[in-house]
């Protein structure tokens, strides 16, 4: 049975429910790239790097050192380069293969109830993979209420408990952490994981996630609170800068981080892009106060090279911002429609996830494509994706390599897909059959 919390929350909803949702099919195609998907991201773009590997079928080494189960998806990005290596930019992608989950899962009889101690990465029911974050050889998944880690051929729960009483609990052993509505996850240069709980009102850092994991709130709400005690959709809400422990947000989401460990997030209820510095006090400042006249919807962010790149959409157009991480100066790299050659110029693109490869931006659209976009805003032909689909193809076998141009990329929602880099591999997460076939693809690029 689908958990009541998920049924009530709905796919990708959040305080910032996309105001242009009703326009998605009639006006969606134009262009914007941004950053690590609100659902997740890669530390410093591709700085996570686990080096080169093939997705050529058969068993192979997985992050964490395990081999793929027999008959499972092919070789995944493994760690030749080692933790912290920075991958060079990609220019093309060849094939995609199943990395985790099951796109053909089509029953909700037992959906949920995953084994927190560990279950096979292809075991049913598949995880609700709404976000992906990577660092070194490590891969983390966000399910909206929990954070899971991949080790070898198993996934195990790191933090959160979807079946427990809904509450925000940001401190102590990671097994004690409780999350109400995660809407952003990123990794840091030291290997830690940061998670934004939009409803709980804070950013939680999971320290030493591969060891004796402990959690601490680094900005926003510092104290536990039951969901039933939260008013106006966000706990301990406000708009307060300064020391992280004293700061307040109103709907924090879409986390990304840079090479220095600074974190950036969309304080959506306040209409501000916030910077959480990597200093000892985790000082919070407003990097950019975005205007609300055109109802801009921030769909994705990524940060590297002294800039935060933000994919933005309004009712009528796509916009790509480049914001200086020191001064907050903003430049529009493009604004309008007709930016992506694969899409009709009458539509907006609805970029639903973003990351970077250390040189350029990697963007995924709800229209079923992944693009490479330069830091000047130039869009290259699609790297992967077959375009929009209504019914998920029943006959596709993703346990074997599929040409990148034939991959069905059906996102989790209009404005939410999971996207991250692992070396020169793109990890993309979305849904398959009946909206329940959650899965992650490993797309091999060079």
Protein backbone atom coordinates (compact mmCIF):
# COMPACT_ATOMS: atom_id res chain seq x y z
CA UNK A 1 0.00 0.00 0.00
CA UNK A 2 1.28 3.48 -0.78
CA UNK A 3 2.07 5.33 2.42
CA UNK A 4 -0.56 7.83 3.53
CA UNK A 5 2.07 10.55 3.75
CA UNK A 6 3.01 10.11 0.11
CA UNK A 7 -0.59 9.89 -1.03
CA UNK A 8 -1.38 13.14 0.76
CA UNK A 9 1.75 14.93 -0.34
CA UNK A 10 1.56 13.88 -3.97
CA UNK A 11 4.38 13.70 -6.49
CA UNK A 12 6.70 16.64 -6.24
CA UNK A 13 4.17 18.94 -4.72
CA UNK A 14 5.86 21.30 -2.17
CA UNK A 15 4.99 24.81 -1.07
CA UNK A 16 6.22 26.01 -4.44
CA UNK A 17 3.75 24.00 -6.46
CA UNK A 18 4.40 24.92 -10.05
CA UNK A 19 2.13 27.83 -10.83
CA UNK A 20 2.39 27.14 -14.54
CA UNK A 21 1.43 23.48 -14.31
CA UNK A 22 -1.73 23.95 -16.33
CA UNK A 23 0.36 25.52 -19.06
CA UNK A 24 2.91 22.72 -19.25
CA UNK A 25 1.60 21.08 -22.36
CA UNK A 26 0.53 24.16 -24.23
CA UNK A 27 3.46 26.42 -23.49
CA UNK A 28 6.41 24.35 -22.62
CA UNK A 29 9.52 24.68 -24.63
CA UNK A 30 12.06 27.30 -24.47
CA UNK A 31 15.07 26.90 -22.47
CA UNK A 32 16.71 27.16 -19.27
CA UNK A 33 19.27 25.33 -17.45
CA UNK A 34 20.04 25.51 -13.91
CA UNK A 35 21.53 23.34 -11.39
CA UNK A 36 21.36 20.28 -9.37
CA UNK A 37 17.81 19.20 -9.40
CA UNK A 38 15.77 20.18 -6.46
CA UNK A 39 15.78 16.53 -5.98
CA UNK A 40 19.51 16.28 -5.74
CA UNK A 41 22.94 16.95 -7.11
CA UNK A 42 26.59 16.24 -7.39
CA UNK A 43 29.22 17.92 -5.26
CA UNK A 44 30.86 20.56 -7.41
CA UNK A 45 29.20 19.15 -10.44
CA UNK A 46 31.29 16.22 -11.50
CA UNK A 47 33.83 16.60 -8.79
CA UNK A 48 32.44 13.50 -7.28
CA UNK A 49 33.83 11.43 -9.73
CA UNK A 50 34.21 7.98 -9.63
CA UNK A 51 36.08 7.80 -12.82
CA UNK A 52 35.40 6.00 -16.03
CA UNK A 53 33.41 2.87 -16.54
CA UNK A 54 31.23 1.36 -19.20
CA UNK A 55 27.54 0.62 -19.21
CA UNK A 56 28.04 -2.25 -21.58
CA UNK A 57 26.02 -4.98 -19.96
CA UNK A 58 27.00 -7.87 -17.76
CA UNK A 59 28.07 -7.55 -14.16
CA UNK A 60 30.39 -4.78 -13.11
CA UNK A 61 31.79 -2.84 -10.22
CA UNK A 62 29.39 -0.51 -8.48
CA UNK A 63 30.15 2.43 -6.26
CA UNK A 64 31.06 0.88 -2.96
CA UNK A 65 32.69 -2.09 -4.62
CA UNK A 66 29.86 -4.58 -5.07
CA UNK A 67 29.20 -6.44 -8.27
CA UNK A 68 25.94 -6.17 -10.18
CA UNK A 69 23.51 -8.98 -9.47
CA UNK A 70 23.40 -11.62 -12.15
CA UNK A 71 21.05 -10.53 -14.86
CA UNK A 72 21.06 -7.01 -13.49
CA UNK A 73 21.92 -3.78 -15.16
CA UNK A 74 25.30 -3.44 -16.73
CA UNK A 75 28.49 -1.94 -15.41
CA UNK A 76 27.91 1.31 -13.62
CA UNK A 77 30.17 4.24 -13.03
CA UNK A 78 32.88 2.87 -10.77
CA UNK A 79 35.88 4.46 -9.22
CA UNK A 80 39.02 4.48 -11.28
CA UNK A 81 39.68 8.15 -10.64
CA UNK A 82 38.95 7.91 -6.93
CA UNK A 83 37.09 10.21 -4.63
CA UNK A 84 37.34 13.90 -5.30
CA UNK A 85 38.61 13.65 -8.87
CA UNK A 86 37.08 16.15 -11.26
CA UNK A 87 35.80 14.77 -14.53
CA UNK A 88 36.41 16.71 -17.70
CA UNK A 89 33.38 17.91 -19.61
CA UNK A 90 31.26 15.60 -21.70
CA UNK A 91 30.25 16.18 -25.30
CA UNK A 92 28.17 13.13 -26.23
CA UNK A 93 26.41 10.15 -24.67
CA UNK A 94 26.16 6.66 -26.11
CA UNK A 95 23.95 4.33 -24.08
CA UNK A 96 21.89 4.07 -20.94
CA UNK A 97 21.30 1.11 -18.66
CA UNK A 98 19.31 0.49 -15.50
CA UNK A 99 21.25 1.57 -12.40
CA UNK A 100 18.61 1.12 -9.67
CA UNK A 101 14.88 0.46 -9.33
CA UNK A 102 12.36 -1.03 -11.75
CA UNK A 103 10.65 1.05 -14.47
CA UNK A 104 8.08 -1.69 -15.07
CA UNK A 105 6.83 -1.92 -11.49
CA UNK A 106 3.08 -1.50 -11.86
CA UNK A 107 1.36 -2.45 -8.61
CA UNK A 108 0.86 -0.51 -5.41
CA UNK A 109 -0.14 -3.54 -3.33
CA UNK A 110 3.05 -3.40 -1.29
CA UNK A 111 4.51 -0.05 -2.28
CA UNK A 112 6.62 1.29 0.52
CA UNK A 113 7.81 -0.81 3.44
CA UNK A 114 11.37 -1.04 2.16
CA UNK A 115 13.91 -2.81 4.36
CA UNK A 116 15.90 -0.05 6.09
CA UNK A 117 18.76 -2.45 6.80
CA UNK A 118 19.20 -3.00 3.09
CA UNK A 119 17.53 -4.35 -0.02
CA UNK A 120 18.76 -5.17 -3.50
CA UNK A 121 19.02 -2.16 -5.74
CA UNK A 122 16.70 -3.83 -8.28
CA UNK A 123 14.37 -5.33 -5.66
CA UNK A 124 10.65 -4.55 -5.67
CA UNK A 125 9.08 -2.33 -4.63
CA UNK A 126 11.63 0.15 -5.97
CA UNK A 127 12.70 3.15 -3.93
CA UNK A 128 10.86 6.39 -4.61
CA UNK A 129 14.00 8.02 -6.04
CA UNK A 130 13.15 11.72 -6.23
CA UNK A 131 16.68 13.00 -5.76
CA UNK A 132 20.24 11.80 -6.35
CA UNK A 133 23.48 13.14 -4.88
CA UNK A 134 26.99 11.81 -5.42
CA UNK A 135 30.42 12.39 -3.94
CA UNK A 136 33.49 10.29 -4.56
CA UNK A 137 32.22 6.80 -5.25
CA UNK A 138 29.14 7.25 -3.09
CA UNK A 139 25.56 7.64 -4.27
CA UNK A 140 22.62 8.84 -2.17
CA UNK A 141 18.89 8.84 -2.90
CA UNK A 142 16.13 11.10 -1.53
CA UNK A 143 12.62 9.62 -1.33
CA UNK A 144 10.91 12.80 0.01
CA UNK A 145 10.90 11.47 3.58
CA UNK A 146 14.11 9.44 3.79
CA UNK A 147 17.72 9.42 2.59
CA UNK A 148 19.17 6.14 1.35
CA UNK A 149 22.74 5.15 0.47
CA UNK A 150 23.98 2.75 -2.18
CA UNK A 151 26.71 0.31 -1.16
CA UNK A 152 27.60 -2.45 -3.56
CA UNK A 153 24.39 -3.94 -4.89
CA UNK A 154 22.21 -2.84 -1.97
CA UNK A 155 20.52 0.33 -0.83
CA UNK A 156 20.02 1.01 2.87
CA UNK A 157 18.32 3.78 4.79
CA UNK A 158 20.58 6.49 6.18
CA UNK A 159 18.07 8.93 7.69
CA UNK A 160 14.33 9.47 8.04
CA UNK A 161 11.43 7.09 8.61
CA UNK A 162 8.40 7.39 6.37
CA UNK A 163 6.28 5.09 8.52
CA UNK A 164 6.92 6.93 11.80
CA UNK A 165 4.85 9.84 13.13
CA UNK A 166 5.49 12.75 10.74
CA UNK A 167 7.93 15.14 12.34
CA UNK A 168 11.10 17.15 11.81
CA UNK A 169 13.93 15.86 14.01
CA UNK A 170 17.31 17.23 12.87
CA UNK A 171 19.83 16.06 15.49
CA UNK A 172 21.60 13.00 16.80
CA UNK A 173 22.38 9.68 15.14
CA UNK A 174 21.21 9.67 11.54
CA UNK A 175 18.87 6.81 12.38
CA UNK A 176 17.00 9.20 14.71
CA UNK A 177 16.53 11.90 12.06
CA UNK A 178 12.98 12.49 10.86
CA UNK A 179 12.06 14.35 7.69
CA UNK A 180 8.68 15.73 6.67
CA UNK A 181 9.22 16.94 3.11
CA UNK A 182 12.72 16.93 1.66
CA UNK A 183 12.99 19.20 -1.36
CA UNK A 184 16.72 19.36 -1.95
CA UNK A 185 19.86 17.33 -1.30
CA UNK A 186 23.51 17.97 -2.09
CA UNK A 187 26.91 16.64 -1.10
CA UNK A 188 29.90 18.53 0.28
CA UNK A 189 33.66 18.28 -0.40
CA UNK A 190 34.20 16.48 2.92
CA UNK A 191 31.79 13.73 1.88
CA UNK A 192 28.88 14.88 4.03
CA UNK A 193 25.30 15.16 2.78
CA UNK A 194 23.06 18.21 3.26
CA UNK A 195 19.27 17.87 3.10
CA UNK A 196 16.63 20.61 3.01
CA UNK A 197 13.32 19.88 4.73
CA UNK A 198 10.95 22.42 3.21
CA UNK A 199 8.19 21.79 5.72
CA UNK A 200 10.46 21.28 8.71
CA UNK A 201 12.15 24.59 7.92
CA UNK A 202 15.81 23.66 8.14
CA UNK A 203 18.91 22.31 6.46
CA UNK A 204 20.37 19.19 8.07
CA UNK A 205 23.94 17.98 7.56
CA UNK A 206 24.54 14.24 7.72
CA UNK A 207 28.10 13.90 8.98
CA UNK A 208 30.26 10.89 8.11
CA UNK A 209 27.45 9.21 6.17
CA UNK A 210 29.57 6.17 5.33
CA UNK A 211 30.65 5.69 8.96
CA UNK A 212 29.06 6.54 12.30
CA UNK A 213 26.59 8.94 10.75
CA UNK A 214 25.37 11.79 12.94
CA UNK A 215 23.13 14.72 12.06
CA UNK A 216 23.06 18.39 12.95
CA UNK A 217 20.91 21.32 11.76
CA UNK A 218 23.27 23.83 10.15
CA UNK A 219 20.75 26.52 9.18
CA UNK A 220 17.11 27.27 9.79
CA UNK A 221 15.00 25.36 12.29
CA UNK A 222 17.17 23.82 15.02
CA UNK A 223 14.51 21.99 17.02
CA UNK A 224 12.22 19.02 16.57
CA UNK A 225 8.61 19.70 15.66
CA UNK A 226 5.63 17.51 14.83
CA UNK A 227 4.01 18.07 11.46
CA UNK A 228 0.68 18.65 13.20
CA UNK A 229 2.20 21.65 15.01
CA UNK A 230 3.38 23.37 11.82
CA UNK A 231 1.37 26.28 10.47
CA UNK A 232 1.44 27.79 6.98
CA UNK A 233 3.37 24.86 5.50
CA UNK A 234 6.78 25.58 7.07
CA UNK A 235 8.10 25.23 10.60
CA UNK A 236 9.87 28.03 12.50
CA UNK A 237 9.39 30.24 9.47
CA UNK A 238 10.85 33.67 8.93
CA UNK A 239 13.45 35.56 6.93
CA UNK A 240 16.47 35.89 9.20
CA UNK A 241 20.10 36.00 8.09
CA UNK A 242 23.27 35.66 10.17
CA UNK A 243 24.59 32.65 12.04
CA UNK A 244 23.10 29.45 10.70
CA UNK A 245 21.74 28.52 14.12
CA UNK A 246 19.77 31.79 14.28
CA UNK A 247 18.62 31.92 10.68
CA UNK A 248 15.09 31.30 9.45
CA UNK A 249 13.65 30.27 6.11
CA UNK A 250 10.19 29.96 4.64
CA UNK A 251 10.22 26.98 2.31
CA UNK A 252 13.90 26.12 1.78
CA UNK A 253 14.51 23.89 -1.25
CA UNK A 254 16.74 23.18 -4.27
CA UNK A 255 20.10 22.78 -2.56
CA UNK A 256 23.37 22.81 -4.42
CA UNK A 257 26.96 23.35 -3.30
CA UNK A 258 30.21 24.66 -4.72
CA UNK A 259 33.83 23.52 -4.62
CA UNK A 260 34.42 25.34 -1.32
CA UNK A 261 31.52 23.72 0.50
CA UNK A 262 29.20 26.72 0.39
CA UNK A 263 25.55 25.72 0.04
CA UNK A 264 22.93 27.57 -1.98
CA UNK A 265 19.18 27.14 -1.66
CA UNK A 266 15.91 28.64 -2.81
CA UNK A 267 14.13 30.26 0.14
CA UNK A 268 10.98 30.01 -1.91
CA UNK A 269 8.45 31.59 0.44
CA UNK A 270 10.65 34.67 0.79
CA UNK A 271 11.59 34.81 -2.89
CA UNK A 272 15.31 34.80 -2.17
CA UNK A 273 18.31 32.74 -3.16
CA UNK A 274 20.23 32.13 0.08
CA UNK A 275 23.90 31.30 0.59
CA UNK A 276 24.95 29.18 3.56
CA UNK A 277 28.68 29.75 3.92
CA UNK A 278 31.14 27.00 4.78
CA UNK A 279 32.51 28.98 7.73
CA UNK A 280 32.26 27.71 11.30
CA UNK A 281 28.97 29.53 11.93
CA UNK A 282 27.45 28.54 8.58
CA UNK A 283 26.57 32.18 8.00
CA UNK A 284 23.38 32.71 5.99
CA UNK A 285 23.05 35.65 3.60
CA UNK A 286 20.77 36.61 0.73
CA UNK A 287 22.69 36.16 -2.50
CA UNK A 288 19.88 37.29 -4.79
CA UNK A 289 16.40 38.67 -4.08
CA UNK A 290 14.42 37.62 -7.11
CA UNK A 291 11.45 39.72 -8.25
CA UNK A 292 7.99 38.24 -8.04
CA UNK A 293 6.08 40.22 -10.63
CA UNK A 294 6.38 37.48 -13.28
CA UNK A 295 6.02 34.64 -10.75
CA UNK A 296 9.44 33.11 -11.47
CA UNK A 297 9.64 29.44 -10.59
CA UNK A 298 13.12 28.18 -9.80
CA UNK A 299 13.41 24.68 -11.23
CA UNK A 300 17.05 23.80 -10.68
CA UNK A 301 20.44 25.09 -9.58
CA UNK A 302 24.09 24.15 -9.82
CA UNK A 303 27.18 25.98 -8.62
CA UNK A 304 30.76 25.97 -9.86
CA UNK A 305 33.42 28.38 -11.06
CA UNK A 306 32.18 31.25 -8.91
CA UNK A 307 28.63 31.19 -10.27
CA UNK A 308 25.28 29.74 -9.31
CA UNK A 309 23.32 28.81 -12.42
CA UNK A 310 19.56 28.77 -12.00
CA UNK A 311 16.94 27.39 -14.35
CA UNK A 312 13.84 29.56 -14.11
CA UNK A 313 10.46 29.36 -15.77
CA UNK A 314 7.52 31.75 -15.88
CA UNK A 315 4.13 31.32 -17.51
CA UNK A 316 5.54 32.52 -20.82
CA UNK A 317 9.28 31.90 -20.96
CA UNK A 318 12.38 30.06 -19.83
CA UNK A 319 15.28 31.93 -18.27
CA UNK A 320 18.81 30.94 -17.31
CA UNK A 321 20.43 33.00 -14.56
CA UNK A 322 24.13 33.15 -13.77
CA UNK A 323 24.64 34.68 -10.32
CA UNK A 324 28.04 35.62 -8.94
CA UNK A 325 28.60 33.74 -5.67
CA UNK A 326 30.41 36.70 -4.06
CA UNK A 327 28.58 39.80 -5.29
CA UNK A 328 25.15 38.39 -6.10
CA UNK A 329 25.23 40.09 -9.50
CA UNK A 330 22.79 38.35 -11.85
CA UNK A 331 23.02 37.94 -15.61
CA UNK A 332 20.38 36.41 -17.89
CA UNK A 333 22.17 33.99 -20.19
CA UNK A 334 18.98 33.59 -22.19
CA UNK A 335 15.33 34.47 -21.84
CA UNK A 336 12.40 33.35 -23.96
CA UNK A 337 11.48 30.31 -26.03
CA UNK A 338 12.87 28.43 -29.00
CA UNK A 339 16.23 27.78 -27.33
CA UNK A 340 16.13 23.99 -27.70
CA UNK A 341 16.07 22.71 -31.27
CA UNK A 342 14.28 19.47 -30.34
CA UNK A 343 11.25 21.35 -29.03
CA UNK A 344 8.58 23.43 -30.70
CA UNK A 345 9.27 27.13 -30.22
CA UNK A 346 5.72 27.69 -28.97
CA UNK A 347 6.49 25.83 -25.76
CA UNK A 348 8.68 26.27 -22.70
CA UNK A 349 11.21 23.59 -21.84
CA UNK A 350 10.36 23.05 -18.17
CA UNK A 351 13.81 22.00 -17.08
CA UNK A 352 13.21 19.68 -14.16
CA UNK A 353 16.72 18.86 -13.01
CA UNK A 354 20.22 20.26 -13.26
CA UNK A 355 23.83 19.47 -12.50
CA UNK A 356 27.22 20.17 -14.14
CA UNK A 357 30.17 18.24 -15.50
CA UNK A 358 32.82 20.67 -14.28
CA UNK A 359 32.74 22.62 -17.54
CA UNK A 360 29.12 22.95 -18.64
CA UNK A 361 25.60 22.56 -17.33
CA UNK A 362 23.68 19.32 -17.75
CA UNK A 363 19.92 19.85 -17.84
CA UNK A 364 16.94 17.52 -18.07
CA UNK A 365 13.50 18.60 -19.24
CA UNK A 366 10.05 17.26 -18.47
CA UNK A 367 9.83 16.97 -22.26
CA UNK A 368 12.10 13.91 -22.14
CA UNK A 369 15.52 15.24 -23.13
CA UNK A 370 18.89 15.87 -21.49
CA UNK A 371 21.01 18.74 -22.82
CA UNK A 372 24.48 20.17 -22.35
CA UNK A 373 24.46 23.95 -21.95
CA UNK A 374 27.56 26.12 -21.90
CA UNK A 375 28.19 28.67 -19.18
CA UNK A 376 27.42 31.30 -21.82
CA UNK A 377 23.95 29.82 -22.35
CA UNK A 378 24.58 27.97 -25.63
CA UNK A 379 22.55 24.77 -25.90
CA UNK A 380 24.00 21.73 -27.67
CA UNK A 381 21.84 19.07 -29.36
CA UNK A 382 20.26 16.64 -26.92
CA UNK A 383 22.63 14.21 -25.24
CA UNK A 384 19.89 11.70 -24.48
CA UNK A 385 16.16 11.12 -24.53
CA UNK A 386 13.42 10.21 -27.00
CA UNK A 387 11.20 13.18 -26.17
CA UNK A 388 7.80 13.36 -24.53
CA UNK A 389 6.01 10.10 -23.80
CA UNK A 390 2.55 9.42 -22.43
CA UNK A 391 2.59 5.65 -21.95
CA UNK A 392 5.83 4.10 -20.79
CA UNK A 393 7.10 1.57 -23.38
CA UNK A 394 6.32 -1.89 -22.04
CA UNK A 395 8.80 -3.73 -24.24
CA UNK A 396 11.96 -1.78 -23.41
CA UNK A 397 14.65 -3.79 -21.59
CA UNK A 398 16.84 -1.39 -19.66
CA UNK A 399 18.92 -4.15 -18.10
CA UNK A 400 20.79 -4.06 -21.40
CA UNK A 401 22.36 -0.94 -22.95
CA UNK A 402 19.87 1.18 -24.90
CA UNK A 403 20.99 3.94 -27.30
CA UNK A 404 20.91 7.28 -25.52
CA UNK A 405 18.53 8.76 -28.09
CA UNK A 406 16.00 5.98 -27.42
CA UNK A 407 15.82 6.36 -23.64
CA UNK A 408 12.36 7.14 -22.20
CA UNK A 409 12.96 9.92 -19.68
CA UNK A 410 9.68 10.36 -17.82
CA UNK A 411 10.27 12.64 -14.85
CA UNK A 412 8.82 12.46 -11.35
CA UNK A 413 6.70 15.57 -11.92
CA UNK A 414 6.47 18.58 -14.23
CA UNK A 415 9.27 20.28 -12.34
CA UNK A 416 11.14 17.45 -10.66
CA UNK A 417 13.60 14.85 -11.93
CA UNK A 418 16.63 13.40 -10.23
CA UNK A 419 19.96 14.23 -11.89
CA UNK A 420 23.61 13.91 -10.90
CA UNK A 421 27.03 13.20 -12.38
CA UNK A 422 29.26 10.27 -11.48
CA UNK A 423 32.47 10.71 -13.40
CA UNK A 424 31.42 10.94 -17.03
CA UNK A 425 28.17 9.14 -16.33
CA UNK A 426 24.85 10.90 -15.95
CA UNK A 427 22.57 9.41 -13.30
CA UNK A 428 18.95 10.26 -14.07
CA UNK A 429 15.96 9.24 -11.97
CA UNK A 430 12.29 9.22 -12.89
CA UNK A 431 9.19 7.08 -13.20
CA UNK A 432 7.96 4.34 -15.48
CA UNK A 433 4.78 2.30 -15.47
CA UNK A 434 1.71 3.80 -13.78
CA UNK A 435 3.84 6.47 -12.18
CA UNK A 436 5.18 3.87 -9.71
CA UNK A 437 8.08 2.43 -11.69
CA UNK A 438 10.72 4.55 -10.01
CA UNK A 439 14.18 3.91 -11.36
CA UNK A 440 17.59 5.42 -12.05
CA UNK A 441 19.43 5.19 -15.36
CA UNK A 442 23.20 5.25 -15.83
CA UNK A 443 23.93 7.11 -19.08
CA UNK A 444 27.45 6.66 -20.42
CA UNK A 445 29.01 9.81 -21.89
CA UNK A 446 32.38 10.99 -23.12
